[in-house]
Amino acid sequence: DPEGIGTSLGVIELYTFPNPAGLFSLGRNLYRPTDASGEAISGTPGSDGVGTIAQGFIEMSNVDVVEEMVSMIMAQRAYEINSKAIQTADNMLQIANNIKR
């Protein structure tokens, strides 16, 4: 409010599953419950086995590992290609130098 007093608008609930490995991956860190995962169990942040919420923090797993690995492989291949091009140019210059002699 204008006087700087906070007002609680609600409580954020977190959910857990009896078998998290049974969740169906939709991609981009989204999951859908299945019969194998069991029913979602509601919990308050900080309660046993549910997890916590911390303001101003970035989740440790905020990257897509597969996407980052693909990017790394592409960068590595580009580096290898450029390195090979430099080696080839160096060899051509050595051959040209040897022809002059």
PDB file of N, CA and C in Angstrom:
ATOM      1  N   ASP A   1       0.835  -1.183   0.000  1.00  0.00           N
ATOM      2  CA  ASP A   1       0.000   0.000   0.000  1.00  0.00           C
ATOM      3  C   ASP A   1       0.878   1.243   0.000  1.00  0.00           C
ATOM      4  N   PRO A   2       0.313   2.451  -0.126  1.00  0.00           N
ATOM      5  CA  PRO A   2       1.111   3.682  -0.184  1.00  0.00           C
ATOM      6  C   PRO A   2       1.942   3.935   1.071  1.00  0.00           C
ATOM      7  N   GLU A   3       1.564   3.350   2.191  1.00  0.00           N
ATOM      8  CA  GLU A   3       2.292   3.574   3.443  1.00  0.00           C
ATOM      9  C   GLU A   3       3.442   2.589   3.628  1.00  0.00           C
ATOM     10  N   GLY A   4       3.643   1.702   2.646  1.00  0.00           N
ATOM     11  CA  GLY A   4       4.755   0.762   2.713  1.00  0.00           C
ATOM     12  C   GLY A   4       4.493  -0.488   3.522  1.00  0.00           C
ATOM     13  N   ILE A   5       3.251  -0.734   3.863  1.00  0.00           N
ATOM     14  CA  ILE A   5       2.903  -1.927   4.630  1.00  0.00           C
ATOM     15  C   ILE A   5       2.492  -3.018   3.646  1.00  0.00           C
ATOM     16  N   GLY A   6       3.148  -4.180   3.745  1.00  0.00           N
ATOM     17  CA  GLY A   6       2.865  -5.288   2.840  1.00  0.00           C
ATOM     18  C   GLY A   6       1.567  -5.985   3.187  1.00  0.00           C
ATOM     19  N   THR A   7       0.950  -6.533   2.181  1.00  0.00           N
ATOM     20  CA  THR A   7      -0.285  -7.281   2.369  1.00  0.00           C
ATOM     21  C   THR A   7      -0.120  -8.658   1.747  1.00  0.00           C
ATOM     22  N   SER A   8      -0.480  -9.676   2.483  1.00  0.00           N
ATOM     23  CA  SER A   8      -0.405 -11.038   1.969  1.00  0.00           C
ATOM     24  C   SER A   8      -1.579 -11.285   1.031  1.00  0.00           C
ATOM     25  N   LEU A   9      -1.258 -11.675  -0.203  1.00  0.00           N
ATOM     26  CA  LEU A   9      -2.305 -11.936  -1.185  1.00  0.00           C
ATOM     27  C   LEU A   9      -2.634 -13.411  -1.301  1.00  0.00           C
ATOM     28  N   GLY A  10      -1.778 -14.241  -0.755  1.00  0.00           N
ATOM     29  CA  GLY A  10      -2.013 -15.677  -0.846  1.00  0.00           C
ATOM     30  C   GLY A  10      -0.751 -16.446  -0.503  1.00  0.00           C
ATOM     31  N   VAL A  11      -0.829 -17.750  -0.645  1.00  0.00           N
ATOM     32  CA  VAL A  11       0.300 -18.628  -0.357  1.00  0.00           C
ATOM     33  C   VAL A  11       0.623 -19.417  -1.618  1.00  0.00           C
ATOM     34  N   ILE A  12       1.884 -19.428  -1.980  1.00  0.00           N
ATOM     35  CA  ILE A  12       2.312 -20.220  -3.129  1.00  0.00           C
ATOM     36  C   ILE A  12       2.440 -21.670  -2.686  1.00  0.00           C
ATOM     37  N   GLU A  13       1.806 -22.554  -3.423  1.00  0.00           N
ATOM     38  CA  GLU A  13       1.894 -23.976  -3.098  1.00  0.00           C
ATOM     39  C   GLU A  13       2.854 -24.657  -4.061  1.00  0.00           C
ATOM     40  N   LEU A  14       3.602 -25.604  -3.541  1.00  0.00           N
ATOM     41  CA  LEU A  14       4.461 -26.447  -4.361  1.00  0.00           C
ATOM     42  C   LEU A  14       3.879 -27.847  -4.361  1.00  0.00           C
ATOM     43  N   TYR A  15       4.173 -28.589  -5.413  1.00  0.00           N
ATOM     44  CA  TYR A  15       3.642 -29.946  -5.524  1.00  0.00           C
ATOM     45  C   TYR A  15       4.779 -30.937  -5.699  1.00  0.00           C
ATOM     46  N   THR A  16       4.585 -32.100  -5.144  1.00  0.00           N
ATOM     47  CA  THR A  16       5.520 -33.201  -5.319  1.00  0.00           C
ATOM     48  C   THR A  16       4.721 -34.432  -5.737  1.00  0.00           C
ATOM     49  N   PHE A  17       5.412 -35.457  -6.163  1.00  0.00           N
ATOM     50  CA  PHE A  17       4.759 -36.678  -6.636  1.00  0.00           C
ATOM     51  C   PHE A  17       5.374 -37.889  -5.955  1.00  0.00           C
ATOM     52  N   PRO A  18       4.576 -38.929  -5.726  1.00  0.00           N
ATOM     53  CA  PRO A  18       5.120 -40.147  -5.117  1.00  0.00           C
ATOM     54  C   PRO A  18       6.256 -40.755  -5.948  1.00  0.00           C
ATOM     55  N   ASN A  19       6.159 -40.651  -7.277  1.00  0.00           N
ATOM     56  CA  ASN A  19       7.190 -41.188  -8.167  1.00  0.00           C
ATOM     57  C   ASN A  19       7.537 -40.134  -9.219  1.00  0.00           C
ATOM     58  N   PRO A  20       8.439 -39.179  -8.908  1.00  0.00           N
ATOM     59  CA  PRO A  20       8.774 -38.124  -9.867  1.00  0.00           C
ATOM     60  C   PRO A  20       9.327 -38.664 -11.190  1.00  0.00           C
ATOM     61  N   ALA A  21       9.952 -39.841 -11.167  1.00  0.00           N
ATOM     62  CA  ALA A  21      10.491 -40.426 -12.399  1.00  0.00           C
ATOM     63  C   ALA A  21       9.373 -40.808 -13.369  1.00  0.00           C
ATOM     64  N   GLY A  22       8.146 -40.915 -12.892  1.00  0.00           N
ATOM     65  CA  GLY A  22       7.016 -41.275 -13.741  1.00  0.00           C
ATOM     66  C   GLY A  22       6.394 -40.103 -14.467  1.00  0.00           C
ATOM     67  N   LEU A  23       6.859 -38.877 -14.218  1.00  0.00           N
ATOM     68  CA  LEU A  23       6.325 -37.708 -14.914  1.00  0.00           C
ATOM     69  C   LEU A  23       6.695 -37.758 -16.389  1.00  0.00           C
ATOM     70  N   PHE A  24       5.807 -37.271 -17.248  1.00  0.00           N
ATOM     71  CA  PHE A  24       6.046 -37.244 -18.687  1.00  0.00           C
ATOM     72  C   PHE A  24       6.634 -35.889 -19.058  1.00  0.00           C
ATOM     73  N   SER A  25       7.805 -35.881 -19.691  1.00  0.00           N
ATOM     74  CA  SER A  25       8.472 -34.637 -20.072  1.00  0.00           C
ATOM     75  C   SER A  25       7.831 -34.054 -21.325  1.00  0.00           C
ATOM     76  N   LEU A  26       7.420 -32.790 -21.230  1.00  0.00           N
ATOM     77  CA  LEU A  26       6.866 -32.064 -22.373  1.00  0.00           C
ATOM     78  C   LEU A  26       7.936 -31.228 -23.059  1.00  0.00           C
ATOM     79  N   GLY A  27       9.141 -31.183 -22.479  1.00  0.00           N
ATOM     80  CA  GLY A  27      10.234 -30.368 -23.004  1.00  0.00           C
ATOM     81  C   GLY A  27      10.284 -29.024 -22.310  1.00  0.00           C
ATOM     82  N   ARG A  28      11.442 -28.378 -22.406  1.00  0.00           N
ATOM     83  CA  ARG A  28      11.673 -27.050 -21.814  1.00  0.00           C
ATOM     84  C   ARG A  28      11.293 -27.014 -20.331  1.00  0.00           C
ATOM     85  N   ASN A  29      11.671 -28.054 -19.599  1.00  0.00           N
ATOM     86  CA  ASN A  29      11.448 -28.167 -18.153  1.00  0.00           C
ATOM     87  C   ASN A  29       9.972 -28.186 -17.756  1.00  0.00           C
ATOM     88  N   LEU A  30       9.109 -28.666 -18.646  1.00  0.00           N
ATOM     89  CA  LEU A  30       7.691 -28.823 -18.337  1.00  0.00           C
ATOM     90  C   LEU A  30       7.371 -30.314 -18.262  1.00  0.00           C
ATOM     91  N   TYR A  31       6.547 -30.688 -17.280  1.00  0.00           N
ATOM     92  CA  TYR A  31       6.195 -32.091 -17.079  1.00  0.00           C
ATOM     93  C   TYR A  31       4.697 -32.239 -16.882  1.00  0.00           C
ATOM     94  N   ARG A  32       4.183 -33.416 -17.220  1.00  0.00           N
ATOM     95  CA  ARG A  32       2.771 -33.732 -17.054  1.00  0.00           C
ATOM     96  C   ARG A  32       2.671 -34.992 -16.205  1.00  0.00           C
ATOM     97  N   PRO A  33       1.752 -35.012 -15.229  1.00  0.00           N
ATOM     98  CA  PRO A  33       1.602 -36.224 -14.416  1.00  0.00           C
ATOM     99  C   PRO A  33       1.054 -37.383 -15.241  1.00  0.00           C
ATOM    100  N   THR A  34       1.424 -38.587 -14.850  1.00  0.00           N
ATOM    101  CA  THR A  34       0.931 -39.806 -15.489  1.00  0.00           C
ATOM    102  C   THR A  34       0.456 -40.752 -14.392  1.00  0.00           C
ATOM    103  N   ASP A  35      -0.087 -41.883 -14.791  1.00  0.00           N
ATOM    104  CA  ASP A  35      -0.476 -42.893 -13.803  1.00  0.00           C
ATOM    105  C   ASP A  35       0.743 -43.370 -13.027  1.00  0.00           C
ATOM    106  N   ALA A  36       1.897 -43.437 -13.705  1.00  0.00           N
ATOM    107  CA  ALA A  36       3.125 -43.911 -13.053  1.00  0.00           C
ATOM    108  C   ALA A  36       3.643 -42.923 -12.012  1.00  0.00           C
ATOM    109  N   SER A  37       3.413 -41.619 -12.225  1.00  0.00           N
ATOM    110  CA  SER A  37       3.916 -40.621 -11.273  1.00  0.00           C
ATOM    111  C   SER A  37       3.051 -40.529 -10.029  1.00  0.00           C
ATOM    112  N   GLY A  38       1.796 -40.914 -10.148  1.00  0.00           N
ATOM    113  CA  GLY A  38       0.869 -40.784  -9.028  1.00  0.00           C
ATOM    114  C   GLY A  38       0.243 -39.406  -8.998  1.00  0.00           C
ATOM    115  N   GLU A  39      -0.637 -39.198  -8.047  1.00  0.00           N
ATOM    116  CA  GLU A  39      -1.325 -37.913  -7.902  1.00  0.00           C
ATOM    117  C   GLU A  39      -0.401 -36.872  -7.275  1.00  0.00           C
ATOM    118  N   ALA A  40      -0.577 -35.615  -7.683  1.00  0.00           N
ATOM    119  CA  ALA A  40       0.207 -34.520  -7.123  1.00  0.00           C
ATOM    120  C   ALA A  40      -0.144 -34.325  -5.654  1.00  0.00           C
ATOM    121  N   ILE A  41       0.885 -34.073  -4.842  1.00  0.00           N
ATOM    122  CA  ILE A  41       0.694 -33.834  -3.411  1.00  0.00           C
ATOM    123  C   ILE A  41       1.050 -32.380  -3.140  1.00  0.00           C
ATOM    124  N   SER A  42       0.083 -31.597  -2.679  1.00  0.00           N
ATOM    125  CA  SER A  42       0.277 -30.181  -2.403  1.00  0.00           C
ATOM    126  C   SER A  42       1.061 -29.996  -1.112  1.00  0.00           C
ATOM    127  N   GLY A  43       1.897 -28.975  -1.093  1.00  0.00           N
ATOM    128  CA  GLY A  43       2.643 -28.679   0.121  1.00  0.00           C
ATOM    129  C   GLY A  43       3.021 -27.215   0.188  1.00  0.00           C
ATOM    130  N   THR A  44       3.307 -26.753   1.365  1.00  0.00           N
ATOM    131  CA  THR A  44       3.736 -25.379   1.586  1.00  0.00           C
ATOM    132  C   THR A  44       5.257 -25.317   1.461  1.00  0.00           C
ATOM    133  N   PRO A  45       5.794 -24.300   0.783  1.00  0.00           N
ATOM    134  CA  PRO A  45       7.245 -24.189   0.662  1.00  0.00           C
ATOM    135  C   PRO A  45       7.923 -24.263   2.031  1.00  0.00           C
ATOM    136  N   GLY A  46       8.983 -25.046   2.096  1.00  0.00           N
ATOM    137  CA  GLY A  46       9.722 -25.205   3.341  1.00  0.00           C
ATOM    138  C   GLY A  46       9.297 -26.411   4.150  1.00  0.00           C
ATOM    139  N   SER A  47       8.155 -27.008   3.810  1.00  0.00           N
ATOM    140  CA  SER A  47       7.731 -28.195   4.544  1.00  0.00           C
ATOM    141  C   SER A  47       8.539 -29.400   4.057  1.00  0.00           C
ATOM    142  N   ASP A  48       8.519 -30.456   4.822  1.00  0.00           N
ATOM    143  CA  ASP A  48       9.359 -31.626   4.577  1.00  0.00           C
ATOM    144  C   ASP A  48       9.156 -32.223   3.182  1.00  0.00           C
ATOM    145  N   GLY A  49      10.234 -32.292   2.401  1.00  0.00           N
ATOM    146  CA  GLY A  49      10.211 -32.943   1.100  1.00  0.00           C
ATOM    147  C   GLY A  49       9.617 -32.146  -0.036  1.00  0.00           C
ATOM    148  N   VAL A  50       9.214 -30.918   0.206  1.00  0.00           N
ATOM    149  CA  VAL A  50       8.556 -30.131  -0.837  1.00  0.00           C
ATOM    150  C   VAL A  50       9.523 -29.173  -1.512  1.00  0.00           C
ATOM    151  N   GLY A  51      10.425 -28.590  -0.795  1.00  0.00           N
ATOM    152  CA  GLY A  51      11.347 -27.605  -1.346  1.00  0.00           C
ATOM    153  C   GLY A  51      11.068 -26.233  -0.777  1.00  0.00           C
ATOM    154  N   THR A  52      11.844 -25.270  -1.211  1.00  0.00           N
ATOM    155  CA  THR A  52      11.697 -23.903  -0.715  1.00  0.00           C
ATOM    156  C   THR A  52      11.638 -22.933  -1.891  1.00  0.00           C
ATOM    157  N   ILE A  53      11.212 -21.733  -1.593  1.00  0.00           N
ATOM    158  CA  ILE A  53      11.211 -20.644  -2.566  1.00  0.00           C
ATOM    159  C   ILE A  53      12.059 -19.536  -1.967  1.00  0.00           C
ATOM    160  N   ALA A  54      13.003 -19.025  -2.761  1.00  0.00           N
ATOM    161  CA  ALA A  54      13.874 -17.956  -2.286  1.00  0.00           C
ATOM    162  C   ALA A  54      13.844 -16.810  -3.294  1.00  0.00           C
ATOM    163  N   GLN A  55      13.538 -15.632  -2.827  1.00  0.00           N
ATOM    164  CA  GLN A  55      13.453 -14.463  -3.689  1.00  0.00           C
ATOM    165  C   GLN A  55      14.847 -14.010  -4.106  1.00  0.00           C
ATOM    166  N   GLY A  56      15.001 -13.652  -5.372  1.00  0.00           N
ATOM    167  CA  GLY A  56      16.249 -13.090  -5.862  1.00  0.00           C
ATOM    168  C   GLY A  56      17.317 -14.115  -6.211  1.00  0.00           C
ATOM    169  N   PHE A  57      17.013 -15.386  -6.160  1.00  0.00           N
ATOM    170  CA  PHE A  57      17.980 -16.426  -6.479  1.00  0.00           C
ATOM    171  C   PHE A  57      17.648 -17.038  -7.829  1.00  0.00           C
ATOM    172  N   ILE A  58      18.679 -17.515  -8.513  1.00  0.00           N
ATOM    173  CA  ILE A  58      18.481 -18.223  -9.767  1.00  0.00           C
ATOM    174  C   ILE A  58      18.626 -19.706  -9.484  1.00  0.00           C
ATOM    175  N   GLU A  59      17.722 -20.482 -10.014  1.00  0.00           N
ATOM    176  CA  GLU A  59      17.765 -21.926  -9.823  1.00  0.00           C
ATOM    177  C   GLU A  59      19.054 -22.472 -10.431  1.00  0.00           C
ATOM    178  N   MET A  60      19.648 -23.442  -9.781  1.00  0.00           N
ATOM    179  CA  MET A  60      20.898 -24.023 -10.263  1.00  0.00           C
ATOM    180  C   MET A  60      20.733 -24.653 -11.647  1.00  0.00           C
ATOM    181  N   SER A  61      19.579 -25.148 -11.960  1.00  0.00           N
ATOM    182  CA  SER A  61      19.384 -25.829 -13.243  1.00  0.00           C
ATOM    183  C   SER A  61      18.596 -24.954 -14.215  1.00  0.00           C
ATOM    184  N   ASN A  62      19.009 -23.699 -14.359  1.00  0.00           N
ATOM    185  CA  ASN A  62      18.252 -22.789 -15.208  1.00  0.00           C
ATOM    186  C   ASN A  62      18.674 -22.848 -16.674  1.00  0.00           C
ATOM    187  N   VAL A  63      19.445 -23.874 -17.053  1.00  0.00           N
ATOM    188  CA  VAL A  63      19.832 -24.039 -18.445  1.00  0.00           C
ATOM    189  C   VAL A  63      19.364 -25.396 -18.948  1.00  0.00           C
ATOM    190  N   ASP A  64      19.171 -25.468 -20.237  1.00  0.00           N
ATOM    191  CA  ASP A  64      18.828 -26.734 -20.871  1.00  0.00           C
ATOM    192  C   ASP A  64      20.142 -27.420 -21.235  1.00  0.00           C
ATOM    193  N   VAL A  65      20.472 -28.498 -20.540  1.00  0.00           N
ATOM    194  CA  VAL A  65      21.755 -29.170 -20.710  1.00  0.00           C
ATOM    195  C   VAL A  65      21.949 -29.630 -22.150  1.00  0.00           C
ATOM    196  N   VAL A  66      20.925 -30.188 -22.759  1.00  0.00           N
ATOM    197  CA  VAL A  66      21.047 -30.688 -24.131  1.00  0.00           C
ATOM    198  C   VAL A  66      21.359 -29.542 -25.084  1.00  0.00           C
ATOM    199  N   GLU A  67      20.648 -28.429 -24.926  1.00  0.00           N
ATOM    200  CA  GLU A  67      20.876 -27.274 -25.791  1.00  0.00           C
ATOM    201  C   GLU A  67      22.298 -26.742 -25.630  1.00  0.00           C
ATOM    202  N   GLU A  68      22.789 -26.688 -24.406  1.00  0.00           N
ATOM    203  CA  GLU A  68      24.145 -26.209 -24.150  1.00  0.00           C
ATOM    204  C   GLU A  68      25.194 -27.161 -24.721  1.00  0.00           C
ATOM    205  N   MET A  69      24.951 -28.466 -24.633  1.00  0.00           N
ATOM    206  CA  MET A  69      25.893 -29.441 -25.202  1.00  0.00           C
ATOM    207  C   MET A  69      25.945 -29.304 -26.724  1.00  0.00           C
ATOM    208  N   VAL A  70      24.789 -29.117 -27.361  1.00  0.00           N
ATOM    209  CA  VAL A  70      24.751 -28.934 -28.813  1.00  0.00           C
ATOM    210  C   VAL A  70      25.513 -27.673 -29.197  1.00  0.00           C
ATOM    211  N   SER A  71      25.322 -26.594 -28.456  1.00  0.00           N
ATOM    212  CA  SER A  71      26.042 -25.345 -28.728  1.00  0.00           C
ATOM    213  C   SER A  71      27.545 -25.536 -28.567  1.00  0.00           C
ATOM    214  N   MET A  72      27.940 -26.276 -27.532  1.00  0.00           N
ATOM    215  CA  MET A  72      29.359 -26.514 -27.296  1.00  0.00           C
ATOM    216  C   MET A  72      29.967 -27.347 -28.431  1.00  0.00           C
ATOM    217  N   ILE A  73      29.254 -28.369 -28.894  1.00  0.00           N
ATOM    218  CA  ILE A  73      29.756 -29.202 -29.988  1.00  0.00           C
ATOM    219  C   ILE A  73      29.877 -28.378 -31.269  1.00  0.00           C
ATOM    220  N   MET A  74      28.890 -27.515 -31.530  1.00  0.00           N
ATOM    221  CA  MET A  74      28.958 -26.657 -32.718  1.00  0.00           C
ATOM    222  C   MET A  74      30.158 -25.721 -32.649  1.00  0.00           C
ATOM    223  N   ALA A  75      30.411 -25.141 -31.478  1.00  0.00           N
ATOM    224  CA  ALA A  75      31.560 -24.251 -31.307  1.00  0.00           C
ATOM    225  C   ALA A  75      32.866 -25.023 -31.483  1.00  0.00           C
ATOM    226  N   GLN A  76      32.918 -26.238 -30.952  1.00  0.00           N
ATOM    227  CA  GLN A  76      34.120 -27.063 -31.085  1.00  0.00           C
ATOM    228  C   GLN A  76      34.385 -27.398 -32.551  1.00  0.00           C
ATOM    229  N   ARG A  77      33.341 -27.742 -33.292  1.00  0.00           N
ATOM    230  CA  ARG A  77      33.508 -28.065 -34.717  1.00  0.00           C
ATOM    231  C   ARG A  77      33.952 -26.832 -35.507  1.00  0.00           C
ATOM    232  N   ALA A  78      33.390 -25.677 -35.193  1.00  0.00           N
ATOM    233  CA  ALA A  78      33.798 -24.444 -35.872  1.00  0.00           C
ATOM    234  C   ALA A  78      35.268 -24.150 -35.589  1.00  0.00           C
ATOM    235  N   TYR A  79      35.700 -24.368 -34.349  1.00  0.00           N
ATOM    236  CA  TYR A  79      37.103 -24.173 -33.978  1.00  0.00           C
ATOM    237  C   TYR A  79      37.996 -25.128 -34.766  1.00  0.00           C
ATOM    238  N   GLU A  80      37.596 -26.402 -34.858  1.00  0.00           N
ATOM    239  CA  GLU A  80      38.384 -27.391 -35.595  1.00  0.00           C
ATOM    240  C   GLU A  80      38.498 -27.014 -37.073  1.00  0.00           C
ATOM    241  N   ILE A  81      37.397 -26.553 -37.670  1.00  0.00           N
ATOM    242  CA  ILE A  81      37.409 -26.165 -39.082  1.00  0.00           C
ATOM    243  C   ILE A  81      38.338 -24.981 -39.296  1.00  0.00           C
ATOM    244  N   ASN A  82      38.248 -23.975 -38.428  1.00  0.00           N
ATOM    245  CA  ASN A  82      39.120 -22.805 -38.552  1.00  0.00           C
ATOM    246  C   ASN A  82      40.577 -23.182 -38.343  1.00  0.00           C
ATOM    247  N   SER A  83      40.835 -24.072 -37.397  1.00  0.00           N
ATOM    248  CA  SER A  83      42.202 -24.529 -37.144  1.00  0.00           C
ATOM    249  C   SER A  83      42.759 -25.253 -38.364  1.00  0.00           C
ATOM    250  N   LYS A  84      41.951 -26.092 -38.981  1.00  0.00           N
ATOM    251  CA  LYS A  84      42.373 -26.827 -40.183  1.00  0.00           C
ATOM    252  C   LYS A  84      42.633 -25.859 -41.333  1.00  0.00           C
ATOM    253  N   ALA A  85      41.816 -24.818 -41.475  1.00  0.00           N
ATOM    254  CA  ALA A  85      42.011 -23.825 -42.532  1.00  0.00           C
ATOM    255  C   ALA A  85      43.336 -23.094 -42.338  1.00  0.00           C
ATOM    256  N   ILE A  86      43.664 -22.764 -41.100  1.00  0.00           N
ATOM    257  CA  ILE A  86      44.932 -22.084 -40.812  1.00  0.00           C
ATOM    258  C   ILE A  86      46.103 -23.015 -41.108  1.00  0.00           C
ATOM    259  N   GLN A  87      45.997 -24.290 -40.742  1.00  0.00           N
ATOM    260  CA  GLN A  87      47.056 -25.258 -41.041  1.00  0.00           C
ATOM    261  C   GLN A  87      47.254 -25.402 -42.548  1.00  0.00           C
ATOM    262  N   THR A  88      46.162 -25.464 -43.295  1.00  0.00           N
ATOM    263  CA  THR A  88      46.247 -25.596 -44.749  1.00  0.00           C
ATOM    264  C   THR A  88      46.906 -24.368 -45.361  1.00  0.00           C
ATOM    265  N   ALA A  89      46.523 -23.179 -44.911  1.00  0.00           N
ATOM    266  CA  ALA A  89      47.135 -21.945 -45.411  1.00  0.00           C
ATOM    267  C   ALA A  89      48.619 -21.921 -45.078  1.00  0.00           C
ATOM    268  N   ASP A  90      48.992 -22.357 -43.897  1.00  0.00           N
ATOM    269  CA  ASP A  90      50.397 -22.409 -43.488  1.00  0.00           C
ATOM    270  C   ASP A  90      51.176 -23.369 -44.383  1.00  0.00           C
ATOM    271  N   ASN A  91      50.592 -24.544 -44.655  1.00  0.00           N
ATOM    272  CA  ASN A  91      51.248 -25.513 -45.544  1.00  0.00           C
ATOM    273  C   ASN A  91      51.424 -24.948 -46.949  1.00  0.00           C
ATOM    274  N   MET A  92      50.420 -24.237 -47.450  1.00  0.00           N
ATOM    275  CA  MET A  92      50.513 -23.638 -48.784  1.00  0.00           C
ATOM    276  C   MET A  92      51.615 -22.590 -48.836  1.00  0.00           C
ATOM    277  N   LEU A  93      51.735 -21.792 -47.786  1.00  0.00           N
ATOM    278  CA  LEU A  93      52.799 -20.782 -47.738  1.00  0.00           C
ATOM    279  C   LEU A  93      54.170 -21.439 -47.667  1.00  0.00           C
ATOM    280  N   GLN A  94      54.296 -22.539 -46.943  1.00  0.00           N
ATOM    281  CA  GLN A  94      55.571 -23.257 -46.876  1.00  0.00           C
ATOM    282  C   GLN A  94      55.942 -23.818 -48.248  1.00  0.00           C
ATOM    283  N   ILE A  95      54.960 -24.378 -48.955  1.00  0.00           N
ATOM    284  CA  ILE A  95      55.215 -24.913 -50.299  1.00  0.00           C
ATOM    285  C   ILE A  95      55.636 -23.788 -51.239  1.00  0.00           C
ATOM    286  N   ALA A  96      54.947 -22.651 -51.178  1.00  0.00           N
ATOM    287  CA  ALA A  96      55.297 -21.502 -52.020  1.00  0.00           C
ATOM    288  C   ALA A  96      56.699 -21.010 -51.693  1.00  0.00           C
ATOM    289  N   ASN A  97      57.057 -21.009 -50.436  1.00  0.00           N
ATOM    290  CA  ASN A  97      58.395 -20.598 -50.007  1.00  0.00           C
ATOM    291  C   ASN A  97      59.448 -21.549 -50.556  1.00  0.00           C
ATOM    292  N   ASN A  98      59.159 -22.845 -50.507  1.00  0.00           N
ATOM    293  CA  ASN A  98      60.113 -23.842 -50.992  1.00  0.00           C
ATOM    294  C   ASN A  98      60.277 -23.775 -52.508  1.00  0.00           C
ATOM    295  N   ILE A  99      59.223 -23.405 -53.240  1.00  0.00           N
ATOM    296  CA  ILE A  99      59.305 -23.293 -54.697  1.00  0.00           C
ATOM    297  C   ILE A  99      60.221 -22.143 -55.085  1.00  0.00           C
ATOM    298  N   LYS A 100      60.206 -21.046 -54.335  1.00  0.00           N
ATOM    299  CA  LYS A 100      61.046 -19.881 -54.617  1.00  0.00           C
ATOM    300  C   LYS A 100      62.519 -20.242 -54.512  1.00  0.00           C
ATOM    301  N   ARG A 101      62.870 -21.138 -53.634  1.00  0.00           N
ATOM    302  CA  ARG A 101      64.274 -21.475 -53.394  1.00  0.00           C
ATOM    303  C   ARG A 101      64.746 -22.306 -54.497  1.00  0.00           C
TER     304      ARG A 101
END
